[in-house]
Amino acid sequence: MPWKGIARYYSVTVDGATNPAAAWYYQHPSPLARRVKNDVVFWNGVNIEGTREENPTTRSH
């Protein structure tokens, strides 16, 4: 097993073009990599634009 754990992958589709495995995250990282839990990482030409949204689990009502 890789030292961070088992990665789960997402394909990203924009305007009908799919970029397979363009994003990944570690749902259950190893103890040494616990800080990356549920962080989504993009690569292979993916650029994220816009403003960051609040985490829905911490929004105040």
Protein backbone atom coordinates (compact mmCIF):
# COMPACT_ATOMS: atom_id res chain seq x y z
CA MET A 1 0.00 0.00 0.00
CA PRO A 2 1.31 3.50 -0.79
CA TRP A 3 2.34 5.45 2.31
CA LYS A 4 -0.65 7.85 2.11
CA GLY A 5 -3.19 5.07 1.72
CA ILE A 6 -5.52 4.03 -1.10
CA ALA A 7 -6.55 6.88 -3.39
CA ARG A 8 -10.01 7.19 -4.90
CA TYR A 9 -10.27 8.89 -8.28
CA TYR A 10 -12.71 11.18 -10.06
CA SER A 11 -13.08 11.82 -13.75
CA VAL A 12 -13.76 15.45 -14.64
CA THR A 13 -16.11 16.31 -17.52
CA VAL A 14 -16.32 19.82 -18.96
CA ASP A 15 -18.19 20.74 -22.16
CA GLY A 16 -18.55 17.06 -23.04
CA ALA A 17 -14.82 16.26 -22.77
CA THR A 18 -13.86 13.80 -20.01
CA ASN A 19 -10.49 13.87 -18.27
CA PRO A 20 -10.26 10.45 -16.54
CA ALA A 21 -8.68 10.25 -13.08
CA ALA A 22 -8.08 14.02 -13.11
CA ALA A 23 -8.77 14.29 -9.38
CA TRP A 24 -8.20 12.08 -6.38
CA TYR A 25 -8.54 11.97 -2.61
CA TYR A 26 -7.75 9.74 0.36
CA GLN A 27 -10.90 8.85 2.28
CA HIS A 28 -8.95 6.78 4.81
CA PRO A 29 -5.32 7.93 4.73
CA SER A 30 -2.59 6.28 6.74
CA PRO A 31 -1.87 7.77 10.18
CA LEU A 32 1.20 9.61 8.81
CA ALA A 33 -0.90 11.28 6.09
CA ARG A 34 -4.02 12.07 8.16
CA ARG A 35 -3.83 15.78 7.24
CA VAL A 36 -4.82 14.99 3.62
CA LYS A 37 -8.07 13.23 4.57
CA ASN A 38 -10.80 14.14 2.08
CA ASP A 39 -8.69 16.83 0.36
CA VAL A 40 -9.34 16.64 -3.39
CA VAL A 41 -6.26 17.08 -5.60
CA PHE A 42 -6.45 17.96 -9.29
CA TRP A 43 -3.89 17.47 -12.04
CA ASN A 44 -3.56 16.77 -15.76
CA GLY A 45 -4.59 20.24 -16.93
CA VAL A 46 -7.44 20.90 -14.50
CA ASN A 47 -7.64 24.52 -13.31
CA ILE A 48 -10.12 25.50 -10.61
CA GLU A 49 -11.54 29.01 -10.90
CA GLY A 50 -13.97 30.95 -8.74
CA THR A 51 -14.30 31.70 -5.07
CA ARG A 52 -14.04 29.18 -2.30
CA GLU A 53 -17.34 28.19 -0.71
CA GLU A 54 -17.87 27.62 2.98
CA ASN A 55 -17.78 24.04 4.16
CA PRO A 56 -21.46 23.04 4.34
CA THR A 57 -20.91 21.29 7.67
CA THR A 58 -19.69 24.51 9.33
CA ARG A 59 -22.13 27.11 7.94
CA SER A 60 -23.92 29.14 10.54
CA HIS A 61 -27.68 29.61 10.07
